[in-house]
């Protein structure tokens, strides 16, 4: 007897859920589809309603309210559209590693051990060394003038002396510096 009651209850719950799901699916259709679903159909001159009774609908909404999908906001009296939430879409990014740094070489930077050795042997690593040849790299005044500079190399800022030294290296390699032998270059 208990099994029969349990089966009957289970069948009733399943039937109620099916009706509720059907009712919920109709309630979430567009307005034109809802109107068509609730419009009575005419068969042989008699009107037959095509929807469930209000009691069934209320019972289904109560039983399945936990599963209900909220209806979107629709305003019939407003002339402006309601604010809509936008879903942020992101373009998938690839995690590409940053480009490798430019290698520091004697041709690209004066911050190498070779250049330090040249500066130490030419001027004691002093950019304002007034001896002739002068400056940190012991640049001859004639070479300085060839690059279009006036005054003495030691009077120029360190960045200018570095630029001239790199240009000399680009043209002639280590040949302009006699100290290259002491540095093993």
N, C-alpha and C. Protein backbone atom coordinates (compact mmCIF):
# COMPACT_ATOMS: atom_id res chain seq x y z
N UNK A 1 0.81 -1.20 0.00
CA UNK A 1 0.00 0.00 0.00
C UNK A 1 0.86 1.27 0.00
N UNK A 2 1.93 1.26 0.80
CA UNK A 2 2.81 2.43 0.86
C UNK A 2 3.48 2.67 -0.49
N UNK A 3 3.85 1.63 -1.16
CA UNK A 3 4.50 1.77 -2.46
C UNK A 3 3.54 2.41 -3.44
N UNK A 4 2.27 2.00 -3.41
CA UNK A 4 1.27 2.55 -4.32
C UNK A 4 1.10 4.05 -4.07
N UNK A 5 1.11 4.48 -2.80
CA UNK A 5 0.96 5.90 -2.47
C UNK A 5 2.20 6.67 -2.95
N UNK A 6 3.37 6.10 -2.72
CA UNK A 6 4.60 6.77 -3.14
C UNK A 6 4.65 6.91 -4.65
N UNK A 7 4.24 5.87 -5.38
CA UNK A 7 4.23 5.95 -6.84
C UNK A 7 3.22 6.97 -7.33
N UNK A 8 2.06 6.98 -6.69
CA UNK A 8 1.03 7.94 -7.08
C UNK A 8 1.52 9.36 -6.85
N UNK A 9 2.17 9.60 -5.73
CA UNK A 9 2.70 10.92 -5.42
C UNK A 9 3.79 11.31 -6.42
N UNK A 10 4.67 10.39 -6.74
CA UNK A 10 5.73 10.67 -7.69
C UNK A 10 5.18 11.01 -9.06
N UNK A 11 4.16 10.27 -9.49
CA UNK A 11 3.55 10.54 -10.79
C UNK A 11 2.87 11.90 -10.79
N UNK A 12 2.21 12.24 -9.71
CA UNK A 12 1.54 13.54 -9.61
C UNK A 12 2.55 14.67 -9.65
N UNK A 13 3.69 14.50 -8.97
CA UNK A 13 4.73 15.53 -8.96
C UNK A 13 5.31 15.69 -10.35
N UNK A 14 5.58 14.58 -11.02
CA UNK A 14 6.15 14.65 -12.36
C UNK A 14 5.16 15.31 -13.32
N UNK A 15 3.88 14.94 -13.20
CA UNK A 15 2.87 15.55 -14.07
C UNK A 15 2.76 17.05 -13.79
N UNK A 16 2.81 17.42 -12.54
CA UNK A 16 2.74 18.84 -12.18
C UNK A 16 3.95 19.60 -12.69
N UNK A 17 5.12 18.97 -12.61
CA UNK A 17 6.33 19.62 -13.10
C UNK A 17 6.27 19.78 -14.62
N UNK A 18 5.76 18.76 -15.29
CA UNK A 18 5.65 18.84 -16.75
C UNK A 18 4.72 19.97 -17.14
N UNK A 19 3.58 20.07 -16.46
CA UNK A 19 2.65 21.15 -16.74
C UNK A 19 3.30 22.49 -16.42
N UNK A 20 4.01 22.54 -15.30
CA UNK A 20 4.67 23.78 -14.91
C UNK A 20 5.75 24.20 -15.89
N UNK A 21 6.51 23.23 -16.36
CA UNK A 21 7.56 23.55 -17.33
C UNK A 21 6.94 24.04 -18.62
N UNK A 22 5.86 23.37 -19.04
CA UNK A 22 5.16 23.80 -20.25
C UNK A 22 4.63 25.22 -20.08
N UNK A 23 4.05 25.48 -18.90
CA UNK A 23 3.49 26.80 -18.63
C UNK A 23 4.60 27.85 -18.60
N UNK A 24 5.74 27.52 -17.97
CA UNK A 24 6.86 28.45 -17.92
C UNK A 24 7.43 28.70 -19.30
N UNK A 25 7.47 27.66 -20.12
CA UNK A 25 8.02 27.85 -21.45
C UNK A 25 7.12 28.75 -22.28
N UNK A 26 5.80 28.67 -22.06
CA UNK A 26 4.88 29.56 -22.77
C UNK A 26 5.04 30.98 -22.25
N UNK A 27 5.23 31.12 -20.93
CA UNK A 27 5.30 32.47 -20.36
C UNK A 27 6.59 33.18 -20.78
N UNK A 28 7.59 32.46 -21.25
CA UNK A 28 8.84 33.09 -21.67
C UNK A 28 8.96 33.20 -23.18
N UNK A 29 7.87 32.97 -23.88
CA UNK A 29 7.88 33.15 -25.32
C UNK A 29 7.68 34.63 -25.63
N UNK A 30 8.00 35.05 -26.84
CA UNK A 30 7.72 36.43 -27.22
C UNK A 30 6.22 36.71 -27.15
N UNK A 31 5.87 37.98 -27.06
CA UNK A 31 4.48 38.37 -26.88
C UNK A 31 3.58 37.83 -27.98
N UNK A 32 4.03 37.81 -29.21
CA UNK A 32 3.20 37.31 -30.30
C UNK A 32 2.93 35.82 -30.15
N UNK A 33 3.90 35.07 -29.67
CA UNK A 33 3.70 33.63 -29.47
C UNK A 33 2.79 33.38 -28.29
N UNK A 34 2.88 34.20 -27.23
CA UNK A 34 1.99 34.03 -26.09
C UNK A 34 0.55 34.31 -26.49
N UNK A 35 0.33 35.33 -27.28
CA UNK A 35 -1.02 35.65 -27.70
C UNK A 35 -1.60 34.51 -28.52
N UNK A 36 -0.80 33.92 -29.36
CA UNK A 36 -1.27 32.81 -30.17
C UNK A 36 -1.55 31.59 -29.31
N UNK A 37 -0.78 31.37 -28.25
CA UNK A 37 -0.99 30.21 -27.38
C UNK A 37 -2.24 30.36 -26.54
N UNK A 38 -2.60 31.58 -26.16
CA UNK A 38 -3.76 31.79 -25.31
C UNK A 38 -5.02 32.12 -26.09
N UNK A 39 -4.94 32.26 -27.40
CA UNK A 39 -6.10 32.56 -28.22
C UNK A 39 -6.92 31.29 -28.37
N UNK A 40 -8.22 31.35 -28.14
CA UNK A 40 -9.04 30.13 -28.31
C UNK A 40 -9.05 29.71 -29.77
N UNK A 41 -9.05 28.40 -29.95
CA UNK A 41 -9.12 27.87 -31.30
C UNK A 41 -10.55 27.49 -31.60
N UNK A 42 -10.95 27.62 -32.81
CA UNK A 42 -12.32 27.32 -33.20
C UNK A 42 -12.33 26.01 -33.96
N UNK A 43 -13.09 25.05 -33.45
CA UNK A 43 -13.24 23.78 -34.13
C UNK A 43 -14.72 23.48 -34.22
N UNK A 44 -15.22 23.43 -35.40
CA UNK A 44 -16.63 23.10 -35.59
C UNK A 44 -17.57 24.09 -34.97
N UNK A 45 -17.20 25.35 -34.85
CA UNK A 45 -18.11 26.35 -34.34
C UNK A 45 -18.05 26.53 -32.84
N UNK A 46 -17.32 25.67 -32.09
CA UNK A 46 -17.22 25.84 -30.65
C UNK A 46 -15.80 26.27 -30.30
N UNK A 47 -15.70 27.15 -29.37
CA UNK A 47 -14.39 27.66 -28.95
C UNK A 47 -13.81 26.73 -27.90
N UNK A 48 -12.55 26.31 -28.10
CA UNK A 48 -11.86 25.47 -27.14
C UNK A 48 -10.61 26.20 -26.69
N UNK A 49 -10.48 26.48 -25.38
CA UNK A 49 -9.27 27.18 -24.94
C UNK A 49 -8.05 26.27 -25.11
N UNK A 50 -6.96 26.87 -25.52
CA UNK A 50 -5.74 26.08 -25.77
C UNK A 50 -4.76 26.19 -24.61
N UNK A 51 -5.16 26.69 -23.47
CA UNK A 51 -4.23 26.81 -22.35
C UNK A 51 -4.82 26.12 -21.13
N UNK A 52 -3.99 25.96 -20.12
CA UNK A 52 -4.43 25.27 -18.91
C UNK A 52 -5.25 26.22 -18.07
N UNK A 53 -5.89 25.68 -17.06
CA UNK A 53 -6.74 26.49 -16.18
C UNK A 53 -5.87 27.36 -15.30
N UNK A 54 -6.43 28.46 -14.79
CA UNK A 54 -5.64 29.33 -13.90
C UNK A 54 -5.14 28.60 -12.66
N UNK A 55 -5.89 27.63 -12.14
CA UNK A 55 -5.46 26.90 -10.95
C UNK A 55 -4.20 26.10 -11.25
N UNK A 56 -4.19 25.44 -12.43
CA UNK A 56 -3.00 24.68 -12.80
C UNK A 56 -1.80 25.59 -12.99
N UNK A 57 -2.02 26.75 -13.60
CA UNK A 57 -0.93 27.70 -13.84
C UNK A 57 -0.36 28.21 -12.53
N UNK A 58 -1.22 28.55 -11.59
CA UNK A 58 -0.76 29.04 -10.29
C UNK A 58 0.00 27.96 -9.55
N UNK A 59 -0.51 26.70 -9.60
CA UNK A 59 0.16 25.59 -8.94
C UNK A 59 1.53 25.36 -9.58
N UNK A 60 1.60 25.40 -10.89
CA UNK A 60 2.86 25.17 -11.59
C UNK A 60 3.86 26.27 -11.27
N UNK A 61 3.40 27.51 -11.23
CA UNK A 61 4.31 28.61 -10.89
C UNK A 61 4.83 28.49 -9.47
N UNK A 62 3.99 28.02 -8.55
CA UNK A 62 4.41 27.85 -7.16
C UNK A 62 5.41 26.72 -7.05
N UNK A 63 5.12 25.59 -7.69
CA UNK A 63 5.99 24.43 -7.58
C UNK A 63 7.34 24.66 -8.25
N UNK A 64 7.36 25.42 -9.32
CA UNK A 64 8.60 25.60 -10.07
C UNK A 64 9.19 27.00 -9.94
N UNK A 65 8.77 27.74 -8.95
CA UNK A 65 9.27 29.11 -8.82
C UNK A 65 10.78 29.14 -8.60
N UNK A 66 11.33 28.07 -8.02
CA UNK A 66 12.78 28.03 -7.82
C UNK A 66 13.52 27.90 -9.14
N UNK A 67 12.82 27.34 -10.15
CA UNK A 67 13.46 27.13 -11.45
C UNK A 67 13.09 28.20 -12.47
N UNK A 68 12.35 29.19 -12.04
CA UNK A 68 11.84 30.19 -12.97
C UNK A 68 12.98 31.04 -13.52
N UNK A 69 12.90 31.35 -14.78
CA UNK A 69 13.85 32.24 -15.45
C UNK A 69 13.26 33.62 -15.42
N UNK A 70 13.97 34.60 -14.90
CA UNK A 70 13.38 35.94 -14.81
C UNK A 70 13.08 36.49 -16.20
N UNK A 71 11.93 37.18 -16.27
CA UNK A 71 11.53 37.79 -17.53
C UNK A 71 12.34 39.07 -17.74
N UNK A 72 12.69 39.36 -18.98
CA UNK A 72 13.38 40.63 -19.22
C UNK A 72 12.43 41.79 -19.01
N UNK A 73 12.99 42.92 -18.61
CA UNK A 73 12.20 44.11 -18.34
C UNK A 73 11.64 44.65 -19.65
N UNK A 74 10.35 44.85 -19.68
CA UNK A 74 9.73 45.44 -20.86
C UNK A 74 8.81 46.56 -20.41
N UNK A 75 8.97 47.70 -20.97
CA UNK A 75 8.16 48.86 -20.62
C UNK A 75 7.26 49.20 -21.79
N UNK A 76 5.96 49.37 -21.48
CA UNK A 76 5.02 49.72 -22.55
C UNK A 76 4.67 51.20 -22.51
N UNK A 77 4.95 51.90 -21.39
CA UNK A 77 4.57 53.30 -21.29
C UNK A 77 5.73 54.24 -21.59
N UNK A 78 6.93 53.75 -21.52
CA UNK A 78 8.09 54.61 -21.72
C UNK A 78 8.40 54.75 -23.20
N UNK A 79 8.82 55.94 -23.58
CA UNK A 79 9.18 56.15 -24.98
C UNK A 79 10.67 55.92 -25.20
N UNK A 80 11.45 55.90 -24.12
CA UNK A 80 12.87 55.63 -24.26
C UNK A 80 13.12 54.20 -23.83
N UNK A 81 14.11 53.60 -24.41
CA UNK A 81 14.41 52.22 -24.05
C UNK A 81 15.13 52.19 -22.71
N UNK A 82 14.89 51.14 -21.93
CA UNK A 82 15.55 51.03 -20.63
C UNK A 82 17.04 50.78 -20.84
N UNK A 83 17.83 51.12 -19.83
CA UNK A 83 19.26 50.86 -19.96
C UNK A 83 19.50 49.36 -20.06
N UNK A 84 20.40 49.00 -20.90
CA UNK A 84 20.71 47.59 -21.06
C UNK A 84 22.10 47.34 -20.54
N UNK A 85 22.26 46.18 -19.98
CA UNK A 85 23.57 45.79 -19.48
C UNK A 85 24.35 45.21 -20.64
N UNK A 86 25.53 45.70 -20.83
CA UNK A 86 26.33 45.17 -21.92
C UNK A 86 27.29 44.14 -21.35
N UNK A 87 27.48 43.12 -22.09
CA UNK A 87 28.39 42.07 -21.69
C UNK A 87 29.74 42.40 -22.32
N UNK A 88 30.72 42.51 -21.47
CA UNK A 88 32.05 42.85 -21.96
C UNK A 88 32.63 41.65 -22.67
N UNK A 89 33.02 41.86 -23.88
CA UNK A 89 33.68 40.80 -24.61
C UNK A 89 35.13 41.18 -24.78
N UNK A 90 35.96 40.23 -24.55
CA UNK A 90 37.37 40.49 -24.69
C UNK A 90 37.92 39.60 -25.79
N UNK A 91 38.83 40.13 -26.49
CA UNK A 91 39.50 39.36 -27.51
C UNK A 91 40.55 38.50 -26.82
N UNK A 92 40.56 37.23 -27.14
CA UNK A 92 41.57 36.40 -26.48
C UNK A 92 42.96 36.92 -26.80
N UNK A 93 43.74 37.01 -25.77
CA UNK A 93 45.09 37.51 -25.96
C UNK A 93 46.07 36.34 -25.91
N UNK A 94 47.06 36.45 -26.66
CA UNK A 94 48.10 35.44 -26.60
C UNK A 94 49.21 35.98 -25.73
N UNK A 95 49.71 35.15 -24.93
CA UNK A 95 50.78 35.56 -24.03
C UNK A 95 52.11 35.43 -24.76
N UNK A 96 52.36 36.41 -25.60
CA UNK A 96 53.63 36.41 -26.30
C UNK A 96 54.66 37.08 -25.43
N UNK A 97 55.82 36.50 -25.37
CA UNK A 97 56.86 37.12 -24.53
C UNK A 97 57.31 38.43 -25.15
N UNK A 98 57.78 39.34 -24.32
CA UNK A 98 58.27 40.61 -24.86
C UNK A 98 59.48 40.35 -25.76
N UNK A 99 59.72 41.23 -26.69
CA UNK A 99 60.88 41.02 -27.56
C UNK A 99 62.16 41.03 -26.73
N UNK A 100 63.11 40.25 -27.14
CA UNK A 100 64.34 40.23 -26.35
C UNK A 100 65.02 41.59 -26.39
N UNK A 101 65.68 41.94 -25.31
CA UNK A 101 66.35 43.25 -25.29
C UNK A 101 67.47 43.26 -26.32
N UNK A 102 67.76 44.46 -26.79
CA UNK A 102 68.85 44.63 -27.74
C UNK A 102 70.13 44.25 -27.00
N UNK A 103 70.88 43.33 -27.57
CA UNK A 103 72.09 42.92 -26.85
C UNK A 103 73.07 44.09 -26.73
N UNK A 104 73.67 44.17 -25.57
CA UNK A 104 74.65 45.22 -25.33
C UNK A 104 75.98 44.72 -25.88
N UNK A 105 76.43 45.42 -26.89
CA UNK A 105 77.73 45.07 -27.50
C UNK A 105 78.58 46.33 -27.55
N UNK A 106 79.82 46.15 -27.92
CA UNK A 106 80.73 47.30 -28.05
C UNK A 106 80.22 48.28 -29.10
N UNK A 107 79.49 47.78 -30.09
CA UNK A 107 78.99 48.64 -31.17
C UNK A 107 77.75 49.42 -30.77
N UNK A 108 77.04 48.98 -29.71
CA UNK A 108 75.77 49.63 -29.35
C UNK A 108 75.84 50.39 -28.04
N UNK A 109 76.81 50.14 -27.22
CA UNK A 109 76.85 50.78 -25.90
C UNK A 109 78.29 50.95 -25.42
N UNK A 110 78.52 52.03 -24.70
CA UNK A 110 79.84 52.23 -24.10
C UNK A 110 79.87 51.69 -22.68
N UNK A 111 78.83 50.95 -22.29
CA UNK A 111 78.75 50.38 -20.95
C UNK A 111 79.22 48.92 -20.94
N UNK A 112 80.25 48.62 -21.68
CA UNK A 112 80.80 47.27 -21.70
C UNK A 112 82.18 47.29 -21.06
N UNK A 113 82.68 46.12 -20.74
CA UNK A 113 84.01 46.01 -20.10
C UNK A 113 85.11 46.54 -21.03
N UNK A 114 84.94 46.31 -22.34
CA UNK A 114 85.95 46.79 -23.29
C UNK A 114 86.04 48.32 -23.27
N UNK A 115 84.89 48.99 -23.28
CA UNK A 115 84.91 50.46 -23.26
C UNK A 115 85.43 51.00 -21.93
N UNK A 116 85.09 50.32 -20.84
CA UNK A 116 85.61 50.75 -19.54
C UNK A 116 87.14 50.67 -19.55
N UNK A 117 87.65 49.57 -20.12
CA UNK A 117 89.11 49.42 -20.19
C UNK A 117 89.74 50.54 -21.02
N UNK A 118 89.14 50.87 -22.16
CA UNK A 118 89.66 51.97 -23.00
C UNK A 118 89.65 53.28 -22.21
N UNK A 119 88.53 53.58 -21.53
CA UNK A 119 88.44 54.84 -20.77
C UNK A 119 89.46 54.88 -19.64
N UNK A 120 89.64 53.77 -18.95
CA UNK A 120 90.60 53.73 -17.84
C UNK A 120 92.01 54.00 -18.36
N UNK A 121 92.37 53.38 -19.48
CA UNK A 121 93.72 53.56 -20.00
C UNK A 121 93.92 54.92 -20.68
N UNK A 122 92.89 55.51 -21.24
CA UNK A 122 93.02 56.79 -21.95
C UNK A 122 92.95 57.99 -21.00
N UNK A 123 92.08 57.90 -19.95
CA UNK A 123 91.88 59.09 -19.12
C UNK A 123 91.66 58.78 -17.65
N UNK A 124 91.88 57.55 -17.24
CA UNK A 124 91.57 57.21 -15.85
C UNK A 124 90.06 57.17 -15.64
N UNK A 125 89.31 56.96 -16.71
CA UNK A 125 87.83 56.93 -16.73
C UNK A 125 87.25 58.28 -16.31
N UNK A 126 87.94 59.36 -16.69
CA UNK A 126 87.48 60.71 -16.38
C UNK A 126 87.06 61.41 -17.67
N UNK A 127 85.82 61.83 -17.76
CA UNK A 127 85.32 62.50 -18.96
C UNK A 127 85.90 63.91 -19.11
N UNK A 128 86.34 64.48 -18.00
CA UNK A 128 86.84 65.86 -18.08
C UNK A 128 88.36 65.92 -18.02
N UNK A 129 89.02 64.91 -18.54
CA UNK A 129 90.48 64.89 -18.56
C UNK A 129 90.99 65.88 -19.61
N UNK A 130 91.71 66.95 -19.20
CA UNK A 130 92.10 68.00 -20.15
C UNK A 130 93.36 67.70 -20.95
N UNK A 131 94.02 66.60 -20.70
CA UNK A 131 95.25 66.32 -21.44
C UNK A 131 94.96 66.10 -22.92
N UNK A 132 96.01 66.19 -23.73
CA UNK A 132 95.83 65.97 -25.17
C UNK A 132 96.35 64.57 -25.46
N UNK A 133 95.67 63.72 -26.12
CA UNK A 133 94.27 63.77 -26.50
C UNK A 133 93.39 63.85 -25.26
N UNK A 134 92.16 64.34 -25.42
CA UNK A 134 91.37 64.66 -24.24
C UNK A 134 90.04 63.94 -24.19
N UNK A 135 89.38 64.14 -23.05
CA UNK A 135 88.10 63.48 -22.80
C UNK A 135 88.30 62.06 -22.32
N UNK A 136 87.22 61.38 -22.05
CA UNK A 136 87.28 60.03 -21.50
C UNK A 136 87.94 59.05 -22.46
N UNK A 137 87.82 59.28 -23.76
CA UNK A 137 88.32 58.33 -24.76
C UNK A 137 89.63 58.77 -25.41
N UNK A 138 90.23 59.85 -24.93
CA UNK A 138 91.49 60.33 -25.48
C UNK A 138 91.37 60.69 -26.95
N UNK A 139 90.32 61.42 -27.28
CA UNK A 139 90.06 61.77 -28.67
C UNK A 139 90.98 62.93 -29.08
N UNK A 140 91.64 62.76 -30.23
CA UNK A 140 92.51 63.82 -30.76
C UNK A 140 91.66 65.01 -31.18
N UNK A 141 92.22 66.22 -31.05
CA UNK A 141 91.49 67.43 -31.43
C UNK A 141 91.15 67.43 -32.93
N UNK A 142 92.03 66.84 -33.75
CA UNK A 142 91.75 66.78 -35.20
C UNK A 142 90.55 65.86 -35.48
N UNK A 143 90.46 64.76 -34.76
CA UNK A 143 89.31 63.86 -34.92
C UNK A 143 88.04 64.55 -34.45
N UNK A 144 88.15 65.26 -33.35
CA UNK A 144 87.01 66.01 -32.80
C UNK A 144 86.47 67.00 -33.82
N UNK A 145 87.37 67.69 -34.49
CA UNK A 145 86.98 68.69 -35.49
C UNK A 145 86.36 68.00 -36.73
N UNK A 146 86.88 66.80 -37.09
CA UNK A 146 86.30 66.06 -38.21
C UNK A 146 84.82 65.77 -37.99
N UNK A 147 84.43 65.58 -36.72
CA UNK A 147 83.02 65.31 -36.40
C UNK A 147 82.21 66.59 -36.30
N UNK A 148 82.85 67.72 -36.55
CA UNK A 148 82.13 68.99 -36.59
C UNK A 148 81.98 69.69 -35.26
N UNK A 149 82.74 69.26 -34.26
CA UNK A 149 82.64 69.89 -32.95
C UNK A 149 83.72 70.95 -32.78
N UNK A 150 83.40 71.96 -31.99
CA UNK A 150 84.38 72.98 -31.65
C UNK A 150 84.80 72.76 -30.20
N UNK A 151 85.78 73.50 -29.77
CA UNK A 151 86.25 73.35 -28.40
C UNK A 151 87.03 72.06 -28.25
N UNK A 152 87.17 71.61 -27.02
CA UNK A 152 87.93 70.41 -26.71
C UNK A 152 86.99 69.27 -26.33
N UNK A 153 87.39 68.04 -26.59
CA UNK A 153 86.52 66.91 -26.24
C UNK A 153 86.17 66.87 -24.74
N UNK A 154 87.10 67.18 -23.86
CA UNK A 154 86.82 67.11 -22.42
C UNK A 154 85.78 68.14 -21.98
N UNK A 155 85.54 69.19 -22.81
CA UNK A 155 84.54 70.20 -22.47
C UNK A 155 83.12 69.75 -22.84
N UNK A 156 83.01 68.72 -23.65
CA UNK A 156 81.70 68.24 -24.11
C UNK A 156 81.07 67.33 -23.05
N UNK A 157 79.75 67.28 -23.03
CA UNK A 157 79.07 66.36 -22.10
C UNK A 157 79.46 64.90 -22.38
N UNK A 158 79.31 64.07 -21.39
CA UNK A 158 79.67 62.64 -21.52
C UNK A 158 78.90 61.98 -22.67
N UNK A 159 77.62 62.33 -22.86
CA UNK A 159 76.82 61.71 -23.91
C UNK A 159 77.39 62.00 -25.29
N UNK A 160 77.94 63.20 -25.51
CA UNK A 160 78.54 63.56 -26.80
C UNK A 160 79.83 62.78 -27.00
N UNK A 161 80.65 62.70 -25.96
CA UNK A 161 81.90 61.94 -26.06
C UNK A 161 81.60 60.46 -26.35
N UNK A 162 80.58 59.92 -25.70
CA UNK A 162 80.18 58.52 -25.94
C UNK A 162 79.75 58.32 -27.39
N UNK A 163 78.96 59.26 -27.90
CA UNK A 163 78.46 59.17 -29.28
C UNK A 163 79.62 59.19 -30.28
N UNK A 164 80.61 60.07 -30.07
CA UNK A 164 81.76 60.15 -30.97
C UNK A 164 82.57 58.85 -30.89
N UNK A 165 82.75 58.33 -29.68
CA UNK A 165 83.50 57.08 -29.53
C UNK A 165 82.80 55.93 -30.27
N UNK A 166 81.49 55.83 -30.15
CA UNK A 166 80.75 54.76 -30.85
C UNK A 166 80.84 54.94 -32.36
N UNK A 167 80.82 56.17 -32.85
CA UNK A 167 80.94 56.43 -34.28
C UNK A 167 82.33 56.06 -34.78
N UNK A 168 83.36 56.41 -34.00
CA UNK A 168 84.72 56.01 -34.37
C UNK A 168 84.84 54.49 -34.44
N UNK A 169 84.25 53.81 -33.46
CA UNK A 169 84.28 52.34 -33.45
C UNK A 169 83.55 51.78 -34.67
N UNK A 170 82.40 52.39 -35.03
CA UNK A 170 81.64 51.92 -36.19
C UNK A 170 82.46 52.08 -37.47
N UNK A 171 83.26 53.10 -37.57
CA UNK A 171 84.05 53.34 -38.79
C UNK A 171 85.34 52.53 -38.84
N UNK A 172 86.04 52.43 -37.69
CA UNK A 172 87.40 51.89 -37.71
C UNK A 172 87.65 50.74 -36.74
N UNK A 173 86.65 50.32 -36.01
CA UNK A 173 86.89 49.30 -34.98
C UNK A 173 87.71 49.89 -33.84
N UNK A 174 88.60 49.08 -33.25
CA UNK A 174 89.41 49.56 -32.11
C UNK A 174 90.69 50.28 -32.57
N UNK A 175 90.92 50.37 -33.86
CA UNK A 175 92.17 50.96 -34.37
C UNK A 175 92.49 52.36 -33.86
N UNK A 176 91.53 53.28 -33.64
CA UNK A 176 91.89 54.62 -33.18
C UNK A 176 92.49 54.66 -31.77
N UNK A 177 92.41 53.60 -30.99
CA UNK A 177 92.88 53.62 -29.61
C UNK A 177 94.10 52.71 -29.46
N UNK A 178 95.21 53.32 -29.13
CA UNK A 178 96.43 52.53 -28.92
C UNK A 178 96.32 51.69 -27.66
N UNK A 179 95.45 52.07 -26.74
CA UNK A 179 95.26 51.30 -25.52
C UNK A 179 94.51 49.98 -25.76
N UNK A 180 94.08 49.76 -26.99
CA UNK A 180 93.36 48.53 -27.30
C UNK A 180 94.23 47.31 -27.02
N UNK A 181 95.55 47.45 -27.19
CA UNK A 181 96.45 46.33 -26.94
C UNK A 181 96.48 45.98 -25.45
N UNK A 182 96.49 46.99 -24.61
CA UNK A 182 96.49 46.76 -23.16
C UNK A 182 95.18 46.11 -22.71
N UNK A 183 94.12 46.37 -23.48
CA UNK A 183 92.80 45.81 -23.15
C UNK A 183 92.56 44.45 -23.82
N UNK A 184 93.52 44.02 -24.63
CA UNK A 184 93.37 42.73 -25.31
C UNK A 184 92.41 42.77 -26.47
N UNK A 185 92.25 43.94 -27.07
CA UNK A 185 91.32 44.08 -28.18
C UNK A 185 92.01 44.10 -29.52
